[in-house]
Amino acid sequence: MDFGHEAEGLSSENRNNCNSNNTNNSATTLPYSSASSSSSPSPSAAPSSSRYENQKRRDWNTFGQYLKNHKPPLTLSRCSGAHVLEFLRYLDKFGKTKVHTPICPFYGHPNPPLPCQCPLRQAWGSLDALIGRLRAAYEENGGQPEANPFGARAVRLYLREVRDLQSKARGVSYEKKKRKRPPQSTVLPPPPPPPPPLPSPSPPGGS
């Protein structure tokens, strides 16, 4: 897919900035950052906007720019889960998380001692959070929940595959730790009442 000269320039620029072997990227590295930031309101215009809302707005602007640069251009109403998958794979060009291949000697090593030539990708946690924000933004901008492309089954399966692949390749676990429940005190039932006394036997020879 051809995204035009603008996307190519962004891709080469971001590759130059991705030489570091950062294995714990907590934020998704997105293209079009300058375009999206210019359309965001200034802090004085929206002093109460949270960091999450600002990030969601930037992500939504980025996706809109992606649709505009798509060949042929796409409208939001025609966007499907397949287009969301294209977008996620496109973002891998700007990733900063090292994902080792099975033939790499550091495959499954959480802290490799030396650099390697394995590709840089977007971290699974970043993609998962990004899809959550875009899914909410889609409905906030008039989209119907049942037609939300960011909640498509194909997108959920793709994120699961990325999670499993990166977990094995990087030697890290993405499983949520189960919170230990405090031990519950055992309530014992009350002791049974004592048996009634036996009647005393009658004396022999009594009337």
N, C-alpha and C. Protein backbone atom coordinates (compact mmCIF):
# COMPACT_ATOMS: atom_id res chain seq x y z
N MET A 1 0.85 -1.20 0.00
CA MET A 1 0.00 0.00 0.00
C MET A 1 0.88 1.24 0.00
N ASP A 2 0.51 2.21 -0.85
CA ASP A 2 1.31 3.42 -0.96
C ASP A 2 0.65 4.52 -0.15
N PHE A 3 1.36 5.08 0.82
CA PHE A 3 0.82 6.14 1.66
C PHE A 3 1.33 7.50 1.24
N GLY A 4 2.01 7.57 0.09
CA GLY A 4 2.47 8.87 -0.40
C GLY A 4 3.79 9.28 0.18
N HIS A 5 4.31 10.41 -0.33
CA HIS A 5 5.65 10.88 0.09
C HIS A 5 5.65 11.28 1.55
N GLU A 6 4.52 11.77 2.06
CA GLU A 6 4.50 12.22 3.47
C GLU A 6 4.75 11.04 4.40
N ALA A 7 4.08 9.91 4.13
CA ALA A 7 4.26 8.75 5.00
C ALA A 7 5.66 8.18 4.86
N GLU A 8 6.21 8.20 3.62
CA GLU A 8 7.57 7.69 3.43
C GLU A 8 8.57 8.52 4.21
N GLY A 9 8.39 9.85 4.18
CA GLY A 9 9.30 10.70 4.93
C GLY A 9 9.21 10.45 6.41
N LEU A 10 7.98 10.26 6.89
CA LEU A 10 7.82 9.97 8.32
C LEU A 10 8.43 8.66 8.68
N SER A 11 8.29 7.67 7.77
CA SER A 11 8.82 6.35 8.08
C SER A 11 10.33 6.38 8.20
N SER A 12 11.03 7.07 7.26
CA SER A 12 12.49 7.12 7.31
C SER A 12 12.95 7.92 8.52
N GLU A 13 12.21 8.98 8.85
CA GLU A 13 12.60 9.79 10.00
C GLU A 13 12.49 8.99 11.29
N ASN A 14 11.40 8.23 11.41
CA ASN A 14 11.21 7.46 12.64
C ASN A 14 12.17 6.31 12.72
N ARG A 15 12.55 5.71 11.58
CA ARG A 15 13.53 4.63 11.65
C ARG A 15 14.86 5.12 12.20
N ASN A 16 15.22 6.35 11.85
CA ASN A 16 16.48 6.90 12.37
C ASN A 16 16.40 7.11 13.87
N ASN A 17 15.19 7.31 14.36
CA ASN A 17 15.04 7.53 15.78
C ASN A 17 14.80 6.25 16.54
N CYS A 18 14.79 5.10 15.87
CA CYS A 18 14.44 3.83 16.51
C CYS A 18 15.64 2.91 16.67
N ASN A 19 16.85 3.45 16.71
CA ASN A 19 18.04 2.61 16.82
C ASN A 19 18.27 2.12 18.22
N SER A 20 17.61 2.71 19.20
CA SER A 20 17.80 2.28 20.57
C SER A 20 17.07 0.98 20.78
N ASN A 21 17.62 0.11 21.65
CA ASN A 21 17.03 -1.20 21.92
C ASN A 21 16.13 -1.10 23.13
N ASN A 22 15.03 -0.39 22.97
CA ASN A 22 14.09 -0.19 24.07
C ASN A 22 13.12 -1.34 24.08
N THR A 23 13.12 -2.13 25.15
CA THR A 23 12.30 -3.32 25.20
C THR A 23 11.07 -3.15 26.08
N ASN A 24 10.79 -1.95 26.53
CA ASN A 24 9.62 -1.78 27.38
C ASN A 24 8.95 -0.46 27.04
N ASN A 25 8.41 -0.38 25.80
CA ASN A 25 7.81 0.84 25.32
C ASN A 25 6.40 0.93 25.84
N SER A 26 6.07 1.96 26.61
CA SER A 26 4.76 2.06 27.23
C SER A 26 3.79 2.89 26.42
N ALA A 27 4.26 3.63 25.41
CA ALA A 27 3.37 4.45 24.61
C ALA A 27 3.54 4.11 23.14
N THR A 28 2.44 4.13 22.40
CA THR A 28 2.51 3.83 20.99
C THR A 28 3.16 4.99 20.25
N THR A 29 4.17 4.69 19.43
CA THR A 29 4.82 5.71 18.63
C THR A 29 4.03 5.89 17.35
N LEU A 30 3.39 7.05 17.18
CA LEU A 30 2.51 7.27 16.05
C LEU A 30 3.12 8.27 15.08
N PRO A 31 2.84 8.09 13.78
CA PRO A 31 3.22 9.12 12.81
C PRO A 31 2.25 10.28 12.90
N TYR A 32 2.47 11.28 12.03
CA TYR A 32 1.60 12.45 11.95
C TYR A 32 1.50 13.20 13.28
N SER A 33 2.52 13.09 14.13
CA SER A 33 2.43 13.73 15.44
C SER A 33 2.28 15.24 15.32
N SER A 34 2.98 15.84 14.34
CA SER A 34 2.88 17.29 14.21
C SER A 34 1.50 17.70 13.72
N ALA A 35 0.93 16.90 12.81
CA ALA A 35 -0.40 17.25 12.29
C ALA A 35 -1.46 17.10 13.35
N SER A 36 -1.33 16.04 14.16
CA SER A 36 -2.37 15.81 15.16
C SER A 36 -2.26 16.80 16.31
N SER A 37 -1.04 17.20 16.67
CA SER A 37 -0.90 18.13 17.79
C SER A 37 -1.40 19.51 17.42
N SER A 38 -1.30 19.87 16.13
CA SER A 38 -1.76 21.20 15.74
C SER A 38 -3.27 21.31 15.83
N SER A 39 -3.98 20.17 15.69
CA SER A 39 -5.43 20.23 15.74
C SER A 39 -5.96 20.05 17.15
N SER A 40 -5.08 19.73 18.09
CA SER A 40 -5.52 19.56 19.47
C SER A 40 -5.67 20.92 20.13
N PRO A 41 -6.65 21.07 21.01
CA PRO A 41 -6.82 22.36 21.69
C PRO A 41 -5.68 22.63 22.64
N SER A 42 -5.40 23.91 22.83
CA SER A 42 -4.33 24.28 23.73
C SER A 42 -4.75 24.02 25.16
N PRO A 43 -3.78 23.90 26.09
CA PRO A 43 -4.14 23.68 27.50
C PRO A 43 -5.05 24.76 28.05
N SER A 44 -4.88 26.02 27.58
CA SER A 44 -5.72 27.09 28.08
C SER A 44 -7.15 26.95 27.58
N ALA A 45 -7.32 26.33 26.38
CA ALA A 45 -8.67 26.17 25.84
C ALA A 45 -9.41 25.05 26.52
N ALA A 46 -8.69 24.04 26.96
CA ALA A 46 -9.33 22.92 27.64
C ALA A 46 -8.53 22.55 28.87
N PRO A 47 -8.58 23.38 29.91
CA PRO A 47 -7.75 23.12 31.09
C PRO A 47 -8.14 21.87 31.83
N SER A 48 -9.40 21.43 31.67
CA SER A 48 -9.86 20.27 32.43
C SER A 48 -9.68 18.95 31.69
N SER A 49 -9.16 19.01 30.45
CA SER A 49 -8.99 17.78 29.68
C SER A 49 -7.93 16.92 30.35
N SER A 50 -8.25 15.66 30.50
CA SER A 50 -7.31 14.74 31.12
C SER A 50 -6.27 14.29 30.11
N ARG A 51 -5.22 13.69 30.62
CA ARG A 51 -4.18 13.17 29.75
C ARG A 51 -4.74 12.09 28.83
N TYR A 52 -5.64 11.27 29.36
CA TYR A 52 -6.25 10.22 28.54
C TYR A 52 -7.06 10.83 27.40
N GLU A 53 -7.85 11.85 27.68
CA GLU A 53 -8.67 12.47 26.64
C GLU A 53 -7.80 13.12 25.58
N ASN A 54 -6.71 13.75 25.99
CA ASN A 54 -5.81 14.36 25.02
C ASN A 54 -5.16 13.31 24.12
N GLN A 55 -4.75 12.19 24.74
CA GLN A 55 -4.13 11.13 23.95
C GLN A 55 -5.15 10.51 22.99
N LYS A 56 -6.36 10.34 23.47
CA LYS A 56 -7.42 9.78 22.62
C LYS A 56 -7.69 10.68 21.42
N ARG A 57 -7.68 11.98 21.65
CA ARG A 57 -7.91 12.93 20.56
C ARG A 57 -6.77 12.87 19.55
N ARG A 58 -5.53 12.76 20.03
CA ARG A 58 -4.40 12.66 19.10
C ARG A 58 -4.46 11.37 18.29
N ASP A 59 -4.82 10.29 18.97
CA ASP A 59 -4.92 9.01 18.25
C ASP A 59 -6.00 9.06 17.18
N TRP A 60 -7.11 9.69 17.52
CA TRP A 60 -8.20 9.78 16.55
C TRP A 60 -7.80 10.63 15.35
N ASN A 61 -7.10 11.72 15.59
CA ASN A 61 -6.61 12.55 14.49
C ASN A 61 -5.61 11.78 13.63
N THR A 62 -4.77 10.98 14.27
CA THR A 62 -3.79 10.19 13.53
C THR A 62 -4.48 9.18 12.62
N PHE A 63 -5.50 8.52 13.15
CA PHE A 63 -6.21 7.54 12.32
C PHE A 63 -6.94 8.23 11.17
N GLY A 64 -7.51 9.40 11.44
CA GLY A 64 -8.15 10.15 10.36
C GLY A 64 -7.17 10.54 9.28
N GLN A 65 -5.95 10.91 9.67
CA GLN A 65 -4.92 11.25 8.69
C GLN A 65 -4.52 10.02 7.88
N TYR A 66 -4.48 8.87 8.55
CA TYR A 66 -4.16 7.61 7.86
C TYR A 66 -5.22 7.31 6.80
N LEU A 67 -6.48 7.48 7.15
CA LEU A 67 -7.55 7.22 6.17
C LEU A 67 -7.45 8.19 4.99
N LYS A 68 -7.07 9.43 5.27
CA LYS A 68 -6.97 10.42 4.21
C LYS A 68 -5.82 10.09 3.26
N ASN A 69 -4.72 9.54 3.79
CA ASN A 69 -3.56 9.21 2.96
C ASN A 69 -3.67 7.83 2.32
N HIS A 70 -4.70 7.10 2.67
CA HIS A 70 -4.90 5.76 2.11
C HIS A 70 -5.12 5.86 0.61
N LYS A 71 -4.63 4.87 -0.12
CA LYS A 71 -4.79 4.82 -1.57
C LYS A 71 -5.67 3.64 -1.95
N PRO A 72 -6.92 3.88 -2.39
CA PRO A 72 -7.60 5.17 -2.48
C PRO A 72 -8.03 5.65 -1.10
N PRO A 73 -8.32 6.95 -0.95
CA PRO A 73 -8.73 7.47 0.35
C PRO A 73 -9.97 6.75 0.89
N LEU A 74 -10.01 6.59 2.20
CA LEU A 74 -11.11 5.89 2.85
C LEU A 74 -11.92 6.86 3.69
N THR A 75 -13.22 6.62 3.75
CA THR A 75 -14.07 7.35 4.67
C THR A 75 -14.30 6.47 5.90
N LEU A 76 -14.65 7.09 7.00
CA LEU A 76 -14.84 6.35 8.23
C LEU A 76 -15.99 5.35 8.11
N SER A 77 -17.02 5.71 7.34
CA SER A 77 -18.17 4.82 7.19
C SER A 77 -17.82 3.54 6.45
N ARG A 78 -16.76 3.58 5.64
CA ARG A 78 -16.34 2.39 4.88
C ARG A 78 -15.21 1.65 5.56
N CYS A 79 -14.78 2.12 6.70
CA CYS A 79 -13.66 1.50 7.41
C CYS A 79 -14.14 0.21 8.07
N SER A 80 -13.36 -0.86 7.93
CA SER A 80 -13.69 -2.16 8.50
C SER A 80 -12.56 -2.65 9.39
N GLY A 81 -12.78 -3.81 10.00
CA GLY A 81 -11.73 -4.40 10.82
C GLY A 81 -10.47 -4.68 10.03
N ALA A 82 -10.61 -5.01 8.74
CA ALA A 82 -9.44 -5.26 7.89
C ALA A 82 -8.60 -4.00 7.74
N HIS A 83 -9.24 -2.85 7.64
CA HIS A 83 -8.49 -1.60 7.53
C HIS A 83 -7.79 -1.26 8.85
N VAL A 84 -8.42 -1.61 9.97
CA VAL A 84 -7.78 -1.40 11.26
C VAL A 84 -6.52 -2.26 11.37
N LEU A 85 -6.57 -3.48 10.87
CA LEU A 85 -5.39 -4.35 10.89
C LEU A 85 -4.28 -3.76 10.02
N GLU A 86 -4.65 -3.21 8.87
CA GLU A 86 -3.64 -2.54 8.02
C GLU A 86 -2.99 -1.39 8.78
N PHE A 87 -3.79 -0.65 9.52
CA PHE A 87 -3.28 0.49 10.29
C PHE A 87 -2.31 0.01 11.36
N LEU A 88 -2.64 -1.07 12.07
CA LEU A 88 -1.76 -1.58 13.13
C LEU A 88 -0.44 -2.08 12.55
N ARG A 89 -0.50 -2.76 11.42
CA ARG A 89 0.74 -3.25 10.79
C ARG A 89 1.57 -2.08 10.27
N TYR A 90 0.89 -1.05 9.80
CA TYR A 90 1.60 0.16 9.34
C TYR A 90 2.34 0.82 10.50
N LEU A 91 1.73 0.82 11.68
CA LEU A 91 2.36 1.46 12.84
C LEU A 91 3.63 0.74 13.27
N ASP A 92 3.77 -0.54 12.92
CA ASP A 92 4.99 -1.26 13.28
C ASP A 92 6.24 -0.62 12.69
N LYS A 93 6.07 0.15 11.61
CA LYS A 93 7.22 0.85 11.02
C LYS A 93 7.82 1.85 12.00
N PHE A 94 7.03 2.29 12.96
CA PHE A 94 7.48 3.32 13.89
C PHE A 94 7.69 2.76 15.30
N GLY A 95 7.69 1.44 15.43
CA GLY A 95 7.85 0.83 16.74
C GLY A 95 9.27 0.95 17.28
N LYS A 96 9.40 0.80 18.59
CA LYS A 96 10.70 0.90 19.25
C LYS A 96 10.96 -0.28 20.18
N THR A 97 10.15 -1.32 20.06
CA THR A 97 10.30 -2.49 20.93
C THR A 97 10.94 -3.63 20.14
N LYS A 98 12.05 -4.12 20.63
CA LYS A 98 12.77 -5.21 19.95
C LYS A 98 12.02 -6.51 20.16
N VAL A 99 11.70 -7.16 19.03
CA VAL A 99 11.01 -8.45 19.07
C VAL A 99 11.92 -9.47 18.39
N HIS A 100 12.49 -10.39 19.18
CA HIS A 100 13.46 -11.35 18.65
C HIS A 100 12.78 -12.41 17.80
N THR A 101 13.46 -12.80 16.73
CA THR A 101 12.98 -13.88 15.87
C THR A 101 13.42 -15.22 16.46
N PRO A 102 12.76 -16.32 16.08
CA PRO A 102 13.12 -17.63 16.64
C PRO A 102 14.57 -18.04 16.39
N ILE A 103 15.20 -17.53 15.32
CA ILE A 103 16.59 -17.91 15.04
C ILE A 103 17.59 -17.03 15.79
N CYS A 104 17.11 -16.00 16.49
CA CYS A 104 18.00 -15.12 17.23
C CYS A 104 18.47 -15.83 18.50
N PRO A 105 19.77 -15.72 18.84
CA PRO A 105 20.24 -16.36 20.07
C PRO A 105 19.61 -15.78 21.34
N PHE A 106 19.01 -14.60 21.23
CA PHE A 106 18.40 -13.97 22.40
C PHE A 106 16.88 -14.17 22.42
N TYR A 107 16.37 -15.07 21.60
CA TYR A 107 14.94 -15.34 21.58
C TYR A 107 14.49 -15.85 22.95
N GLY A 108 13.51 -15.19 23.51
CA GLY A 108 13.02 -15.56 24.83
C GLY A 108 13.83 -15.00 25.97
N HIS A 109 14.82 -14.16 25.68
CA HIS A 109 15.69 -13.58 26.71
C HIS A 109 15.15 -12.21 27.09
N PRO A 110 14.72 -12.00 28.33
CA PRO A 110 14.14 -10.69 28.69
C PRO A 110 15.16 -9.56 28.72
N ASN A 111 16.44 -9.88 28.97
CA ASN A 111 17.48 -8.84 29.04
C ASN A 111 18.69 -9.29 28.23
N PRO A 112 18.63 -9.16 26.90
CA PRO A 112 19.76 -9.61 26.08
C PRO A 112 21.01 -8.80 26.37
N PRO A 113 22.16 -9.46 26.47
CA PRO A 113 23.40 -8.74 26.82
C PRO A 113 24.00 -7.95 25.67
N LEU A 114 23.61 -8.29 24.44
CA LEU A 114 24.20 -7.64 23.26
C LEU A 114 23.09 -7.23 22.30
N PRO A 115 23.36 -6.22 21.45
CA PRO A 115 22.37 -5.84 20.44
C PRO A 115 22.27 -6.90 19.35
N CYS A 116 21.15 -6.90 18.65
CA CYS A 116 20.94 -7.84 17.56
C CYS A 116 20.21 -7.11 16.43
N GLN A 117 19.99 -7.84 15.34
CA GLN A 117 19.38 -7.24 14.15
C GLN A 117 17.89 -7.54 14.05
N CYS A 118 17.28 -7.98 15.13
CA CYS A 118 15.85 -8.28 15.10
C CYS A 118 15.03 -7.01 14.90
N PRO A 119 13.84 -7.13 14.32
CA PRO A 119 13.05 -5.93 13.99
C PRO A 119 12.49 -5.24 15.22
N LEU A 120 12.19 -3.96 15.03
CA LEU A 120 11.51 -3.16 16.05
C LEU A 120 10.02 -3.13 15.73
N ARG A 121 9.22 -3.30 16.75
CA ARG A 121 7.78 -3.34 16.59
C ARG A 121 7.10 -2.49 17.66
N GLN A 122 5.83 -2.22 17.45
CA GLN A 122 5.03 -1.60 18.51
C GLN A 122 4.79 -2.65 19.59
N ALA A 123 4.91 -2.25 20.83
CA ALA A 123 4.68 -3.17 21.94
C ALA A 123 3.20 -3.54 22.00
N TRP A 124 2.94 -4.80 22.40
CA TRP A 124 1.56 -5.25 22.47
C TRP A 124 0.72 -4.37 23.40
N GLY A 125 1.24 -4.03 24.56
CA GLY A 125 0.48 -3.22 25.49
C GLY A 125 0.10 -1.87 24.92
N SER A 126 0.98 -1.30 24.11
CA SER A 126 0.69 -0.01 23.49
C SER A 126 -0.43 -0.14 22.46
N LEU A 127 -0.37 -1.21 21.65
CA LEU A 127 -1.42 -1.42 20.65
C LEU A 127 -2.76 -1.70 21.31
N ASP A 128 -2.73 -2.47 22.37
CA ASP A 128 -3.97 -2.81 23.06
C ASP A 128 -4.62 -1.54 23.64
N ALA A 129 -3.82 -0.68 24.25
CA ALA A 129 -4.34 0.57 24.79
C ALA A 129 -4.82 1.50 23.67
N LEU A 130 -4.09 1.52 22.55
CA LEU A 130 -4.47 2.36 21.41
C LEU A 130 -5.84 1.96 20.87
N ILE A 131 -6.06 0.66 20.70
CA ILE A 131 -7.35 0.19 20.19
C ILE A 131 -8.47 0.54 21.15
N GLY A 132 -8.19 0.46 22.45
CA GLY A 132 -9.21 0.84 23.42
C GLY A 132 -9.61 2.30 23.29
N ARG A 133 -8.62 3.17 23.08
CA ARG A 133 -8.93 4.60 22.93
C ARG A 133 -9.68 4.88 21.63
N LEU A 134 -9.24 4.23 20.54
CA LEU A 134 -9.89 4.46 19.25
C LEU A 134 -11.31 3.89 19.23
N ARG A 135 -11.49 2.80 19.94
CA ARG A 135 -12.84 2.21 20.02
C ARG A 135 -13.80 3.18 20.71
N ALA A 136 -13.32 3.80 21.79
CA ALA A 136 -14.15 4.78 22.49
C ALA A 136 -14.37 6.03 21.64
N ALA A 137 -13.32 6.49 20.96
CA ALA A 137 -13.43 7.70 20.14
C ALA A 137 -14.38 7.50 18.98
N TYR A 138 -14.40 6.31 18.42
CA TYR A 138 -15.30 6.02 17.29
C TYR A 138 -16.76 6.25 17.69
N GLU A 139 -17.14 5.74 18.84
CA GLU A 139 -18.53 5.89 19.29
C GLU A 139 -18.82 7.31 19.76
N GLU A 140 -17.80 7.99 20.31
CA GLU A 140 -18.00 9.38 20.73
C GLU A 140 -18.18 10.30 19.54
N ASN A 141 -17.69 9.88 18.37
CA ASN A 141 -17.83 10.69 17.16
C ASN A 141 -18.98 10.23 16.28
N GLY A 142 -19.95 9.56 16.87
CA GLY A 142 -21.18 9.22 16.15
C GLY A 142 -21.25 7.83 15.58
N GLY A 143 -20.22 7.02 15.78
CA GLY A 143 -20.25 5.66 15.26
C GLY A 143 -21.14 4.75 16.08
N GLN A 144 -21.75 3.79 15.41
CA GLN A 144 -22.61 2.83 16.11
C GLN A 144 -21.77 1.73 16.74
N PRO A 145 -22.08 1.34 17.98
CA PRO A 145 -21.28 0.29 18.65
C PRO A 145 -21.23 -1.01 17.87
N GLU A 146 -22.35 -1.41 17.25
CA GLU A 146 -22.36 -2.68 16.53
C GLU A 146 -21.54 -2.65 15.24
N ALA A 147 -21.23 -1.44 14.76
CA ALA A 147 -20.42 -1.31 13.54
C ALA A 147 -19.01 -0.83 13.83
N ASN A 148 -18.60 -0.85 15.08
CA ASN A 148 -17.28 -0.34 15.47
C ASN A 148 -16.19 -1.25 14.93
N PRO A 149 -15.37 -0.76 13.97
CA PRO A 149 -14.33 -1.63 13.40
C PRO A 149 -13.21 -1.96 14.38
N PHE A 150 -13.04 -1.13 15.41
CA PHE A 150 -11.98 -1.38 16.39
C PHE A 150 -12.35 -2.49 17.37
N GLY A 151 -13.63 -2.87 17.38
CA GLY A 151 -14.05 -3.98 18.22
C GLY A 151 -14.29 -5.25 17.43
N ALA A 152 -13.85 -5.27 16.18
CA ALA A 152 -14.07 -6.45 15.33
C ALA A 152 -13.32 -7.66 15.88
N ARG A 153 -13.85 -8.83 15.62
CA ARG A 153 -13.25 -10.06 16.11
C ARG A 153 -11.84 -10.24 15.54
N ALA A 154 -11.64 -9.86 14.28
CA ALA A 154 -10.32 -9.99 13.66
C ALA A 154 -9.28 -9.15 14.39
N VAL A 155 -9.69 -7.99 14.88
CA VAL A 155 -8.76 -7.11 15.62
C VAL A 155 -8.40 -7.75 16.96
N ARG A 156 -9.40 -8.31 17.63
CA ARG A 156 -9.13 -8.96 18.92
C ARG A 156 -8.19 -10.16 18.75
N LEU A 157 -8.40 -10.93 17.69
CA LEU A 157 -7.53 -12.08 17.45
C LEU A 157 -6.11 -11.64 17.12
N TYR A 158 -5.99 -10.56 16.35
CA TYR A 158 -4.66 -10.06 16.00
C TYR A 158 -3.91 -9.60 17.24
N LEU A 159 -4.57 -8.88 18.13
CA LEU A 159 -3.91 -8.43 19.36
C LEU A 159 -3.49 -9.62 20.22
N ARG A 160 -4.31 -10.66 20.23
CA ARG A 160 -3.95 -11.85 21.01
C ARG A 160 -2.72 -12.53 20.42
N GLU A 161 -2.64 -12.58 19.09
CA GLU A 161 -1.48 -13.19 18.44
C GLU A 161 -0.22 -12.37 18.72
N VAL A 162 -0.34 -11.05 18.66
CA VAL A 162 0.81 -10.18 18.95
C VAL A 162 1.27 -10.37 20.39
N ARG A 163 0.32 -10.46 21.30
CA ARG A 163 0.67 -10.67 22.71
C ARG A 163 1.44 -11.97 22.91
N ASP A 164 0.94 -13.06 22.32
CA ASP A 164 1.58 -14.35 22.50
C ASP A 164 2.96 -14.38 21.83
N LEU A 165 3.05 -13.79 20.63
CA LEU A 165 4.33 -13.77 19.92
C LEU A 165 5.37 -12.98 20.69
N GLN A 166 5.00 -11.78 21.15
CA GLN A 166 5.97 -10.95 21.87
C GLN A 166 6.31 -11.53 23.23
N SER A 167 5.36 -12.19 23.86
CA SER A 167 5.65 -12.80 25.15
C SER A 167 6.72 -13.87 25.02
N LYS A 168 6.63 -14.70 23.98
CA LYS A 168 7.63 -15.74 23.76
C LYS A 168 8.95 -15.15 23.29
N ALA A 169 8.88 -14.19 22.37
CA ALA A 169 10.10 -13.63 21.78
C ALA A 169 10.90 -12.83 22.80
N ARG A 170 10.23 -12.13 23.70
CA ARG A 170 10.91 -11.26 24.65
C ARG A 170 11.09 -11.90 26.02
N GLY A 171 10.52 -13.09 26.21
CA GLY A 171 10.67 -13.77 27.48
C GLY A 171 9.99 -13.06 28.63
N VAL A 172 8.85 -12.44 28.35
CA VAL A 172 8.10 -11.74 29.39
C VAL A 172 6.68 -12.30 29.42
N SER A 173 6.04 -12.13 30.54
CA SER A 173 4.68 -12.62 30.69
C SER A 173 3.72 -11.44 30.75
N TYR A 174 2.65 -11.53 29.97
CA TYR A 174 1.64 -10.49 29.97
C TYR A 174 0.41 -10.90 30.77
N GLU A 175 0.50 -12.04 31.45
CA GLU A 175 -0.64 -12.49 32.24
C GLU A 175 -0.82 -11.58 33.45
N LYS A 176 -2.06 -11.22 33.70
CA LYS A 176 -2.35 -10.39 34.87
C LYS A 176 -2.19 -11.22 36.13
N LYS A 177 -1.50 -10.63 37.10
CA LYS A 177 -1.32 -11.33 38.37
C LYS A 177 -2.64 -11.33 39.14
N LYS A 178 -3.00 -12.50 39.59
CA LYS A 178 -4.22 -12.63 40.36
C LYS A 178 -4.00 -12.09 41.78
N ARG A 179 -4.90 -11.25 42.19
CA ARG A 179 -4.79 -10.69 43.54
C ARG A 179 -5.18 -11.75 44.56
N LYS A 180 -4.33 -11.87 45.56
CA LYS A 180 -4.61 -12.85 46.60
C LYS A 180 -5.72 -12.33 47.50
N ARG A 181 -6.71 -13.17 47.67
CA ARG A 181 -7.80 -12.80 48.56
C ARG A 181 -7.39 -13.00 50.01
N PRO A 182 -7.78 -12.09 50.88
CA PRO A 182 -7.43 -12.28 52.30
C PRO A 182 -8.12 -13.53 52.83
N PRO A 183 -7.43 -14.27 53.68
CA PRO A 183 -8.04 -15.50 54.21
C PRO A 183 -9.29 -15.18 55.02
N GLN A 184 -10.32 -15.92 54.73
CA GLN A 184 -11.57 -15.70 55.42
C GLN A 184 -11.61 -16.54 56.69
N SER A 185 -12.05 -15.89 57.76
CA SER A 185 -12.12 -16.60 59.03
C SER A 185 -13.26 -17.62 58.98
N THR A 186 -12.98 -18.80 59.46
CA THR A 186 -13.97 -19.87 59.44
C THR A 186 -14.93 -19.69 60.61
N VAL A 187 -16.20 -19.64 60.30
CA VAL A 187 -17.23 -19.50 61.34
C VAL A 187 -17.70 -20.89 61.71
N LEU A 188 -17.42 -21.29 62.93
CA LEU A 188 -17.82 -22.62 63.39
C LEU A 188 -19.25 -22.59 63.90
N PRO A 189 -19.99 -23.66 63.64
CA PRO A 189 -21.37 -23.70 64.16
C PRO A 189 -21.35 -23.81 65.68
N PRO A 190 -22.41 -23.38 66.33
CA PRO A 190 -22.45 -23.49 67.80
C PRO A 190 -22.49 -24.95 68.22
N PRO A 191 -21.93 -25.26 69.38
CA PRO A 191 -21.93 -26.66 69.82
C PRO A 191 -23.35 -27.14 70.07
N PRO A 192 -23.59 -28.41 69.88
CA PRO A 192 -24.95 -28.93 70.11
C PRO A 192 -25.30 -28.87 71.59
N PRO A 193 -26.58 -28.76 71.90
CA PRO A 193 -27.00 -28.71 73.33
C PRO A 193 -26.71 -30.04 74.01
N PRO A 194 -26.47 -30.01 75.31
CA PRO A 194 -26.20 -31.28 76.00
C PRO A 194 -27.44 -32.18 75.99
N PRO A 195 -27.25 -33.48 76.01
CA PRO A 195 -28.41 -34.40 76.00
C PRO A 195 -29.20 -34.28 77.29
N PRO A 196 -30.50 -34.50 77.24
CA PRO A 196 -31.31 -34.42 78.48
C PRO A 196 -30.89 -35.50 79.45
N PRO A 197 -31.05 -35.24 80.76
CA PRO A 197 -30.65 -36.25 81.75
C PRO A 197 -31.55 -37.48 81.69
N LEU A 198 -30.96 -38.62 81.94
CA LEU A 198 -31.72 -39.88 81.94
C LEU A 198 -32.57 -39.96 83.20
N PRO A 199 -33.78 -40.51 83.07
CA PRO A 199 -34.62 -40.66 84.30
C PRO A 199 -33.99 -41.65 85.25
N SER A 200 -34.08 -41.35 86.55
CA SER A 200 -33.48 -42.24 87.57
C SER A 200 -34.31 -43.51 87.66
N PRO A 201 -33.68 -44.67 87.78
CA PRO A 201 -34.44 -45.95 87.85
C PRO A 201 -35.22 -46.05 89.16
N SER A 202 -36.37 -46.68 89.12
CA SER A 202 -37.22 -46.88 90.33
C SER A 202 -36.58 -47.89 91.26
N PRO A 203 -36.68 -47.66 92.58
CA PRO A 203 -36.06 -48.62 93.53
C PRO A 203 -36.81 -49.95 93.48
N PRO A 204 -36.11 -51.06 93.67
CA PRO A 204 -36.79 -52.37 93.60
C PRO A 204 -37.80 -52.53 94.74
N GLY A 205 -38.89 -53.21 94.50
CA GLY A 205 -39.93 -53.47 95.48
C GLY A 205 -40.84 -52.30 95.76
N GLY A 206 -40.68 -51.25 95.03
CA GLY A 206 -41.53 -50.09 95.27
C GLY A 206 -42.92 -50.31 94.74
N SER A 207 -43.94 -49.54 95.31
CA SER A 207 -45.30 -49.68 94.89
C SER A 207 -45.55 -48.90 93.60
